[in-house]
Amino acid sequence: MRLILYSKPGCHLCEGLQEKLEQIQNLSFELEVRDITTREDWFAAYEYEVPVLYLSNYRGAEDAEGSEKPLPRPSPRASVQQLEQMLRKYLAN
């Protein structure tokens, strides 16, 4: 399973969420961070929305981006444990 974090340089909310995701130890997932400033379509879609988190059950570059499922934005105040609980809920579905 892969989590995709759409982010941009200098975004403190993005950095905070990434740090918390990297601290989760009881869930197995790959974290891919996508810098929205590297592609016009990502920038247009997420310029005012980052951080944006997606769940992808697919692996490999050949997989279509349409196979990604958006997740609700966690509160910046959420603890690592709360973030893990939220992810566990969505992984179960």
PDB file of N, CA and C in Angstrom:
ATOM      1  N   MET A   1       0.834  -1.172   0.000  1.00  0.00           N
ATOM      2  CA  MET A   1       0.000   0.000   0.000  1.00  0.00           C
ATOM      3  C   MET A   1       0.880   1.236   0.000  1.00  0.00           C
ATOM      4  N   ARG A   2       0.413   2.256  -0.690  1.00  0.00           N
ATOM      5  CA  ARG A   2       1.214   3.469  -0.824  1.00  0.00           C
ATOM      6  C   ARG A   2       0.365   4.687  -0.471  1.00  0.00           C
ATOM      7  N   LEU A   3       0.956   5.587   0.283  1.00  0.00           N
ATOM      8  CA  LEU A   3       0.350   6.882   0.564  1.00  0.00           C
ATOM      9  C   LEU A   3       1.073   7.909  -0.288  1.00  0.00           C
ATOM     10  N   ILE A   4       0.307   8.793  -0.876  1.00  0.00           N
ATOM     11  CA  ILE A   4       0.884   9.850  -1.701  1.00  0.00           C
ATOM     12  C   ILE A   4       0.559  11.179  -1.041  1.00  0.00           C
ATOM     13  N   LEU A   5       1.593  11.940  -0.759  1.00  0.00           N
ATOM     14  CA  LEU A   5       1.443  13.249  -0.129  1.00  0.00           C
ATOM     15  C   LEU A   5       1.806  14.319  -1.150  1.00  0.00           C
ATOM     16  N   TYR A   6       0.804  15.103  -1.553  1.00  0.00           N
ATOM     17  CA  TYR A   6       1.065  16.243  -2.430  1.00  0.00           C
ATOM     18  C   TYR A   6       1.479  17.400  -1.535  1.00  0.00           C
ATOM     19  N   SER A   7       2.629  17.976  -1.842  1.00  0.00           N
ATOM     20  CA  SER A   7       3.261  18.945  -0.968  1.00  0.00           C
ATOM     21  C   SER A   7       3.927  20.022  -1.813  1.00  0.00           C
ATOM     22  N   LYS A   8       4.433  21.054  -1.144  1.00  0.00           N
ATOM     23  CA  LYS A   8       5.251  22.036  -1.853  1.00  0.00           C
ATOM     24  C   LYS A   8       6.304  22.577  -0.892  1.00  0.00           C
ATOM     25  N   PRO A   9       7.421  23.025  -1.423  1.00  0.00           N
ATOM     26  CA  PRO A   9       8.499  23.537  -0.576  1.00  0.00           C
ATOM     27  C   PRO A   9       8.021  24.711   0.280  1.00  0.00           C
ATOM     28  N   GLY A  10       8.465  24.722   1.539  1.00  0.00           N
ATOM     29  CA  GLY A  10       8.128  25.811   2.441  1.00  0.00           C
ATOM     30  C   GLY A  10       6.764  25.692   3.091  1.00  0.00           C
ATOM     31  N   CYS A  11       6.051  24.610   2.847  1.00  0.00           N
ATOM     32  CA  CYS A  11       4.728  24.409   3.434  1.00  0.00           C
ATOM     33  C   CYS A  11       4.902  23.726   4.787  1.00  0.00           C
ATOM     34  N   HIS A  12       4.678  24.470   5.858  1.00  0.00           N
ATOM     35  CA  HIS A  12       4.890  23.923   7.199  1.00  0.00           C
ATOM     36  C   HIS A  12       3.876  22.836   7.543  1.00  0.00           C
ATOM     37  N   LEU A  13       2.638  22.971   7.055  1.00  0.00           N
ATOM     38  CA  LEU A  13       1.639  21.924   7.280  1.00  0.00           C
ATOM     39  C   LEU A  13       2.060  20.630   6.583  1.00  0.00           C
ATOM     40  N   CYS A  14       2.603  20.764   5.371  1.00  0.00           N
ATOM     41  CA  CYS A  14       3.064  19.591   4.617  1.00  0.00           C
ATOM     42  C   CYS A  14       4.201  18.898   5.353  1.00  0.00           C
ATOM     43  N   GLU A  15       5.161  19.700   5.806  1.00  0.00           N
ATOM     44  CA  GLU A  15       6.315  19.144   6.507  1.00  0.00           C
ATOM     45  C   GLU A  15       5.894  18.453   7.798  1.00  0.00           C
ATOM     46  N   GLY A  16       4.950  19.057   8.521  1.00  0.00           N
ATOM     47  CA  GLY A  16       4.475  18.468   9.761  1.00  0.00           C
ATOM     48  C   GLY A  16       3.776  17.140   9.529  1.00  0.00           C
ATOM     49  N   LEU A  17       2.947  17.079   8.492  1.00  0.00           N
ATOM     50  CA  LEU A  17       2.241  15.847   8.181  1.00  0.00           C
ATOM     51  C   LEU A  17       3.230  14.768   7.735  1.00  0.00           C
ATOM     52  N   GLN A  18       4.198  15.142   6.922  1.00  0.00           N
ATOM     53  CA  GLN A  18       5.189  14.174   6.466  1.00  0.00           C
ATOM     54  C   GLN A  18       5.976  13.601   7.651  1.00  0.00           C
ATOM     55  N   GLU A  19       6.377  14.459   8.573  1.00  0.00           N
ATOM     56  CA  GLU A  19       7.112  13.994   9.759  1.00  0.00           C
ATOM     57  C   GLU A  19       6.282  12.995  10.563  1.00  0.00           C
ATOM     58  N   LYS A  20       5.007  13.300  10.753  1.00  0.00           N
ATOM     59  CA  LYS A  20       4.137  12.391  11.518  1.00  0.00           C
ATOM     60  C   LYS A  20       3.953  11.065  10.785  1.00  0.00           C
ATOM     61  N   LEU A  21       3.761  11.120   9.469  1.00  0.00           N
ATOM     62  CA  LEU A  21       3.592   9.893   8.699  1.00  0.00           C
ATOM     63  C   LEU A  21       4.835   9.014   8.806  1.00  0.00           C
ATOM     64  N   GLU A  22       6.002   9.646   8.789  1.00  0.00           N
ATOM     65  CA  GLU A  22       7.256   8.896   8.877  1.00  0.00           C
ATOM     66  C   GLU A  22       7.466   8.278  10.255  1.00  0.00           C
ATOM     67  N   GLN A  23       6.761   8.770  11.271  1.00  0.00           N
ATOM     68  CA  GLN A  23       6.895   8.243  12.632  1.00  0.00           C
ATOM     69  C   GLN A  23       5.967   7.053  12.899  1.00  0.00           C
ATOM     70  N   ILE A  24       5.011   6.810  12.010  1.00  0.00           N
ATOM     71  CA  ILE A  24       4.082   5.692  12.207  1.00  0.00           C
ATOM     72  C   ILE A  24       4.836   4.384  12.022  1.00  0.00           C
ATOM     73  N   GLN A  25       4.777   3.538  13.033  1.00  0.00           N
ATOM     74  CA  GLN A  25       5.539   2.290  12.989  1.00  0.00           C
ATOM     75  C   GLN A  25       4.663   1.052  12.905  1.00  0.00           C
ATOM     76  N   ASN A  26       3.393   1.150  13.266  1.00  0.00           N
ATOM     77  CA  ASN A  26       2.533  -0.028  13.345  1.00  0.00           C
ATOM     78  C   ASN A  26       1.729  -0.292  12.082  1.00  0.00           C
ATOM     79  N   LEU A  27       1.968   0.479  11.045  1.00  0.00           N
ATOM     80  CA  LEU A  27       1.304   0.284   9.754  1.00  0.00           C
ATOM     81  C   LEU A  27       2.381   0.158   8.683  1.00  0.00           C
ATOM     82  N   SER A  28       2.132  -0.707   7.735  1.00  0.00           N
ATOM     83  CA  SER A  28       3.092  -0.886   6.655  1.00  0.00           C
ATOM     84  C   SER A  28       2.596  -0.145   5.416  1.00  0.00           C
ATOM     85  N   PHE A  29       3.334   0.882   5.019  1.00  0.00           N
ATOM     86  CA  PHE A  29       2.997   1.617   3.800  1.00  0.00           C
ATOM     87  C   PHE A  29       4.251   2.301   3.267  1.00  0.00           C
ATOM     88  N   GLU A  30       4.176   2.595   1.997  1.00  0.00           N
ATOM     89  CA  GLU A  30       5.238   3.340   1.337  1.00  0.00           C
ATOM     90  C   GLU A  30       4.743   4.776   1.205  1.00  0.00           C
ATOM     91  N   LEU A  31       5.569   5.732   1.580  1.00  0.00           N
ATOM     92  CA  LEU A  31       5.187   7.148   1.475  1.00  0.00           C
ATOM     93  C   LEU A  31       5.880   7.770   0.280  1.00  0.00           C
ATOM     94  N   GLU A  32       5.063   8.291  -0.630  1.00  0.00           N
ATOM     95  CA  GLU A  32       5.592   9.000  -1.789  1.00  0.00           C
ATOM     96  C   GLU A  32       5.204  10.464  -1.646  1.00  0.00           C
ATOM     97  N   VAL A  33       6.195  11.345  -1.656  1.00  0.00           N
ATOM     98  CA  VAL A  33       5.936  12.778  -1.551  1.00  0.00           C
ATOM     99  C   VAL A  33       6.071  13.374  -2.950  1.00  0.00           C
ATOM    100  N   ARG A  34       5.009  14.044  -3.390  1.00  0.00           N
ATOM    101  CA  ARG A  34       5.007  14.665  -4.715  1.00  0.00           C
ATOM    102  C   ARG A  34       5.011  16.180  -4.559  1.00  0.00           C
ATOM    103  N   ASP A  35       6.045  16.802  -5.092  1.00  0.00           N
ATOM    104  CA  ASP A  35       6.189  18.256  -5.065  1.00  0.00           C
ATOM    105  C   ASP A  35       5.320  18.842  -6.179  1.00  0.00           C
ATOM    106  N   ILE A  36       4.278  19.583  -5.789  1.00  0.00           N
ATOM    107  CA  ILE A  36       3.332  20.094  -6.794  1.00  0.00           C
ATOM    108  C   ILE A  36       3.962  21.141  -7.715  1.00  0.00           C
ATOM    109  N   THR A  37       5.120  21.684  -7.333  1.00  0.00           N
ATOM    110  CA  THR A  37       5.752  22.695  -8.181  1.00  0.00           C
ATOM    111  C   THR A  37       6.498  22.057  -9.357  1.00  0.00           C
ATOM    112  N   THR A  38       6.534  20.724  -9.410  1.00  0.00           N
ATOM    113  CA  THR A  38       7.260  20.054 -10.494  1.00  0.00           C
ATOM    114  C   THR A  38       6.371  19.728 -11.687  1.00  0.00           C
ATOM    115  N   ARG A  39       5.043  19.867 -11.526  1.00  0.00           N
ATOM    116  CA  ARG A  39       4.122  19.586 -12.637  1.00  0.00           C
ATOM    117  C   ARG A  39       2.988  20.600 -12.620  1.00  0.00           C
ATOM    118  N   GLU A  40       2.683  21.130 -13.790  1.00  0.00           N
ATOM    119  CA  GLU A  40       1.631  22.144 -13.894  1.00  0.00           C
ATOM    120  C   GLU A  40       0.271  21.616 -13.470  1.00  0.00           C
ATOM    121  N   ASP A  41      -0.053  20.371 -13.828  1.00  0.00           N
ATOM    122  CA  ASP A  41      -1.375  19.826 -13.490  1.00  0.00           C
ATOM    123  C   ASP A  41      -1.517  19.657 -11.975  1.00  0.00           C
ATOM    124  N   TRP A  42      -0.463  19.214 -11.287  1.00  0.00           N
ATOM    125  CA  TRP A  42      -0.517  19.087  -9.830  1.00  0.00           C
ATOM    126  C   TRP A  42      -0.649  20.469  -9.189  1.00  0.00           C
ATOM    127  N   PHE A  43       0.128  21.420  -9.702  1.00  0.00           N
ATOM    128  CA  PHE A  43       0.089  22.775  -9.132  1.00  0.00           C
ATOM    129  C   PHE A  43      -1.293  23.385  -9.284  1.00  0.00           C
ATOM    130  N   ALA A  44      -1.880  23.238 -10.469  1.00  0.00           N
ATOM    131  CA  ALA A  44      -3.214  23.791 -10.718  1.00  0.00           C
ATOM    132  C   ALA A  44      -4.246  23.147  -9.798  1.00  0.00           C
ATOM    133  N   ALA A  45      -4.112  21.863  -9.550  1.00  0.00           N
ATOM    134  CA  ALA A  45      -5.096  21.139  -8.740  1.00  0.00           C
ATOM    135  C   ALA A  45      -4.943  21.399  -7.241  1.00  0.00           C
ATOM    136  N   TYR A  46      -3.707  21.558  -6.765  1.00  0.00           N
ATOM    137  CA  TYR A  46      -3.459  21.555  -5.315  1.00  0.00           C
ATOM    138  C   TYR A  46      -2.790  22.814  -4.767  1.00  0.00           C
ATOM    139  N   GLU A  47      -2.660  23.851  -5.585  1.00  0.00           N
ATOM    140  CA  GLU A  47      -1.943  25.060  -5.166  1.00  0.00           C
ATOM    141  C   GLU A  47      -2.408  25.575  -3.806  1.00  0.00           C
ATOM    142  N   TYR A  48      -3.719  25.603  -3.588  1.00  0.00           N
ATOM    143  CA  TYR A  48      -4.261  26.145  -2.333  1.00  0.00           C
ATOM    144  C   TYR A  48      -4.764  25.053  -1.395  1.00  0.00           C
ATOM    145  N   GLU A  49      -4.481  23.803  -1.711  1.00  0.00           N
ATOM    146  CA  GLU A  49      -5.034  22.679  -0.959  1.00  0.00           C
ATOM    147  C   GLU A  49      -4.008  21.909  -0.131  1.00  0.00           C
ATOM    148  N   VAL A  50      -2.720  22.030  -0.450  1.00  0.00           N
ATOM    149  CA  VAL A  50      -1.717  21.192   0.218  1.00  0.00           C
ATOM    150  C   VAL A  50      -1.724  21.419   1.722  1.00  0.00           C
ATOM    151  N   PRO A  51      -1.447  20.387   2.500  1.00  0.00           N
ATOM    152  CA  PRO A  51      -1.105  19.032   2.070  1.00  0.00           C
ATOM    153  C   PRO A  51      -2.344  18.221   1.690  1.00  0.00           C
ATOM    154  N   VAL A  52      -2.191  17.397   0.666  1.00  0.00           N
ATOM    155  CA  VAL A  52      -3.260  16.519   0.212  1.00  0.00           C
ATOM    156  C   VAL A  52      -2.726  15.091   0.260  1.00  0.00           C
ATOM    157  N   LEU A  53      -3.515  14.211   0.834  1.00  0.00           N
ATOM    158  CA  LEU A  53      -3.092  12.825   1.028  1.00  0.00           C
ATOM    159  C   LEU A  53      -3.990  11.889   0.220  1.00  0.00           C
ATOM    160  N   TYR A  54      -3.361  10.970  -0.506  1.00  0.00           N
ATOM    161  CA  TYR A  54      -4.078   9.979  -1.298  1.00  0.00           C
ATOM    162  C   TYR A  54      -3.612   8.587  -0.898  1.00  0.00           C
ATOM    163  N   LEU A  55      -4.511   7.642  -1.050  1.00  0.00           N
ATOM    164  CA  LEU A  55      -4.211   6.240  -0.818  1.00  0.00           C
ATOM    165  C   LEU A  55      -4.171   5.547  -2.170  1.00  0.00           C
ATOM    166  N   SER A  56      -3.116   4.802  -2.413  1.00  0.00           N
ATOM    167  CA  SER A  56      -2.998   4.041  -3.651  1.00  0.00           C
ATOM    168  C   SER A  56      -2.695   2.595  -3.294  1.00  0.00           C
ATOM    169  N   ASN A  57      -3.497   1.691  -3.803  1.00  0.00           N
ATOM    170  CA  ASN A  57      -3.258   0.267  -3.571  1.00  0.00           C
ATOM    171  C   ASN A  57      -2.436  -0.339  -4.698  1.00  0.00           C
ATOM    172  N   TYR A  58      -1.941   0.518  -5.562  1.00  0.00           N
ATOM    173  CA  TYR A  58      -1.236   0.042  -6.743  1.00  0.00           C
ATOM    174  C   TYR A  58       0.234   0.411  -6.649  1.00  0.00           C
ATOM    175  N   ARG A  59       1.059  -0.417  -7.252  1.00  0.00           N
ATOM    176  CA  ARG A  59       2.505  -0.177  -7.248  1.00  0.00           C
ATOM    177  C   ARG A  59       3.002  -0.126  -8.689  1.00  0.00           C
ATOM    178  N   GLY A  60       4.064   0.616  -8.869  1.00  0.00           N
ATOM    179  CA  GLY A  60       4.695   0.649 -10.176  1.00  0.00           C
ATOM    180  C   GLY A  60       4.328   1.884 -10.971  1.00  0.00           C
ATOM    181  N   ALA A  61       5.261   2.313 -11.790  1.00  0.00           N
ATOM    182  CA  ALA A  61       5.078   3.536 -12.569  1.00  0.00           C
ATOM    183  C   ALA A  61       4.015   3.366 -13.655  1.00  0.00           C
ATOM    184  N   GLU A  62       3.729   2.122 -14.036  1.00  0.00           N
ATOM    185  CA  GLU A  62       2.770   1.896 -15.115  1.00  0.00           C
ATOM    186  C   GLU A  62       1.328   2.099 -14.657  1.00  0.00           C
ATOM    187  N   ASP A  63       1.108   2.187 -13.351  1.00  0.00           N
ATOM    188  CA  ASP A  63      -0.253   2.341 -12.851  1.00  0.00           C
ATOM    189  C   ASP A  63      -0.773   3.747 -13.106  1.00  0.00           C
ATOM    190  N   ALA A  64      -2.031   3.819 -13.447  1.00  0.00           N
ATOM    191  CA  ALA A  64      -2.660   5.108 -13.736  1.00  0.00           C
ATOM    192  C   ALA A  64      -2.860   5.898 -12.450  1.00  0.00           C
ATOM    193  N   GLU A  65      -2.715   7.207 -12.533  1.00  0.00           N
ATOM    194  CA  GLU A  65      -2.941   8.052 -11.362  1.00  0.00           C
ATOM    195  C   GLU A  65      -4.398   8.030 -10.937  1.00  0.00           C
ATOM    196  N   GLY A  66      -5.286   7.638 -11.822  1.00  0.00           N
ATOM    197  CA  GLY A  66      -6.697   7.548 -11.495  1.00  0.00           C
ATOM    198  C   GLY A  66      -6.999   6.480 -10.463  1.00  0.00           C
ATOM    199  N   SER A  67      -6.013   5.673 -10.130  1.00  0.00           N
ATOM    200  CA  SER A  67      -6.202   4.599  -9.161  1.00  0.00           C
ATOM    201  C   SER A  67      -5.982   5.089  -7.730  1.00  0.00           C
ATOM    202  N   GLU A  68      -5.901   6.380  -7.550  1.00  0.00           N
ATOM    203  CA  GLU A  68      -5.663   6.958  -6.227  1.00  0.00           C
ATOM    204  C   GLU A  68      -6.975   7.412  -5.603  1.00  0.00           C
ATOM    205  N   LYS A  69      -7.082   7.211  -4.281  1.00  0.00           N
ATOM    206  CA  LYS A  69      -8.288   7.589  -3.545  1.00  0.00           C
ATOM    207  C   LYS A  69      -7.932   8.698  -2.551  1.00  0.00           C
ATOM    208  N   PRO A  70      -8.590   9.847  -2.632  1.00  0.00           N
ATOM    209  CA  PRO A  70      -8.275  10.926  -1.687  1.00  0.00           C
ATOM    210  C   PRO A  70      -8.698  10.562  -0.271  1.00  0.00           C
ATOM    211  N   LEU A  71      -7.899  10.991   0.684  1.00  0.00           N
ATOM    212  CA  LEU A  71      -8.213  10.804   2.101  1.00  0.00           C
ATOM    213  C   LEU A  71      -8.552  12.158   2.713  1.00  0.00           C
ATOM    214  N   PRO A  72      -9.385  12.176   3.744  1.00  0.00           N
ATOM    215  CA  PRO A  72      -9.697  13.446   4.408  1.00  0.00           C
ATOM    216  C   PRO A  72      -8.424  14.058   4.990  1.00  0.00           C
ATOM    217  N   ARG A  73      -8.381  15.367   4.994  1.00  0.00           N
ATOM    218  CA  ARG A  73      -7.199  16.044   5.528  1.00  0.00           C
ATOM    219  C   ARG A  73      -7.174  15.916   7.050  1.00  0.00           C
ATOM    220  N   PRO A  74      -6.088  15.364   7.586  1.00  0.00           N
ATOM    221  CA  PRO A  74      -5.990  15.274   9.047  1.00  0.00           C
ATOM    222  C   PRO A  74      -5.727  16.652   9.661  1.00  0.00           C
ATOM    223  N   SER A  75      -6.168  16.825  10.865  1.00  0.00           N
ATOM    224  CA  SER A  75      -5.916  18.079  11.570  1.00  0.00           C
ATOM    225  C   SER A  75      -4.419  18.241  11.798  1.00  0.00           C
ATOM    226  N   PRO A  76      -3.905  19.462  11.642  1.00  0.00           N
ATOM    227  CA  PRO A  76      -2.492  19.696  11.945  1.00  0.00           C
ATOM    228  C   PRO A  76      -2.153  19.387  13.403  1.00  0.00           C
ATOM    229  N   ARG A  77      -3.163  19.390  14.249  1.00  0.00           N
ATOM    230  CA  ARG A  77      -2.947  19.103  15.673  1.00  0.00           C
ATOM    231  C   ARG A  77      -3.022  17.617  15.997  1.00  0.00           C
ATOM    232  N   ALA A  78      -3.380  16.802  15.019  1.00  0.00           N
ATOM    233  CA  ALA A  78      -3.498  15.358  15.253  1.00  0.00           C
ATOM    234  C   ALA A  78      -2.144  14.781  15.648  1.00  0.00           C
ATOM    235  N   SER A  79      -2.185  13.890  16.629  1.00  0.00           N
ATOM    236  CA  SER A  79      -0.962  13.220  17.060  1.00  0.00           C
ATOM    237  C   SER A  79      -0.622  12.106  16.070  1.00  0.00           C
ATOM    238  N   VAL A  80       0.568  11.561  16.206  1.00  0.00           N
ATOM    239  CA  VAL A  80       0.968  10.434  15.369  1.00  0.00           C
ATOM    240  C   VAL A  80      -0.018   9.279  15.564  1.00  0.00           C
ATOM    241  N   GLN A  81      -0.430   9.042  16.810  1.00  0.00           N
ATOM    242  CA  GLN A  81      -1.363   7.960  17.106  1.00  0.00           C
ATOM    243  C   GLN A  81      -2.725   8.209  16.451  1.00  0.00           C
ATOM    244  N   GLN A  82      -3.215   9.440  16.507  1.00  0.00           N
ATOM    245  CA  GLN A  82      -4.502   9.768  15.878  1.00  0.00           C
ATOM    246  C   GLN A  82      -4.421   9.601  14.362  1.00  0.00           C
ATOM    247  N   LEU A  83      -3.303  10.002  13.792  1.00  0.00           N
ATOM    248  CA  LEU A  83      -3.100   9.857  12.354  1.00  0.00           C
ATOM    249  C   LEU A  83      -3.072   8.375  11.976  1.00  0.00           C
ATOM    250  N   GLU A  84      -2.410   7.580  12.788  1.00  0.00           N
ATOM    251  CA  GLU A  84      -2.363   6.135  12.546  1.00  0.00           C
ATOM    252  C   GLU A  84      -3.759   5.518  12.614  1.00  0.00           C
ATOM    253  N   GLN A  85      -4.562   5.926  13.588  1.00  0.00           N
ATOM    254  CA  GLN A  85      -5.934   5.416  13.711  1.00  0.00           C
ATOM    255  C   GLN A  85      -6.765   5.773  12.487  1.00  0.00           C
ATOM    256  N   MET A  86      -6.629   7.007  12.012  1.00  0.00           N
ATOM    257  CA  MET A  86      -7.364   7.443  10.832  1.00  0.00           C
ATOM    258  C   MET A  86      -6.966   6.589   9.621  1.00  0.00           C
ATOM    259  N   LEU A  87      -5.672   6.388   9.437  1.00  0.00           N
ATOM    260  CA  LEU A  87      -5.202   5.601   8.299  1.00  0.00           C
ATOM    261  C   LEU A  87      -5.668   4.149   8.388  1.00  0.00           C
ATOM    262  N   ARG A  88      -5.643   3.609   9.595  1.00  0.00           N
ATOM    263  CA  ARG A  88      -6.078   2.221   9.810  1.00  0.00           C
ATOM    264  C   ARG A  88      -7.536   2.051   9.370  1.00  0.00           C
ATOM    265  N   LYS A  89      -8.361   3.057   9.657  1.00  0.00           N
ATOM    266  CA  LYS A  89      -9.772   3.033   9.273  1.00  0.00           C
ATOM    267  C   LYS A  89      -9.923   2.956   7.759  1.00  0.00           C
ATOM    268  N   TYR A  90      -9.132   3.729   7.030  1.00  0.00           N
ATOM    269  CA  TYR A  90      -9.244   3.753   5.581  1.00  0.00           C
ATOM    270  C   TYR A  90      -8.578   2.549   4.925  1.00  0.00           C
ATOM    271  N   LEU A  91      -7.591   1.982   5.585  1.00  0.00           N
ATOM    272  CA  LEU A  91      -6.936   0.790   5.038  1.00  0.00           C
ATOM    273  C   LEU A  91      -7.838  -0.432   5.160  1.00  0.00           C
ATOM    274  N   ALA A  92      -8.716  -0.408   6.158  1.00  0.00           N
ATOM    275  CA  ALA A  92      -9.617  -1.543   6.376  1.00  0.00           C
ATOM    276  C   ALA A  92     -10.680  -1.638   5.287  1.00  0.00           C
ATOM    277  N   ASN A  93     -10.983  -0.515   4.644  1.00  0.00           N
ATOM    278  CA  ASN A  93     -12.035  -0.493   3.604  1.00  0.00           C
ATOM    279  C   ASN A  93     -11.515  -0.998   2.284  1.00  0.00           C
TER     280      ASN A  93
END
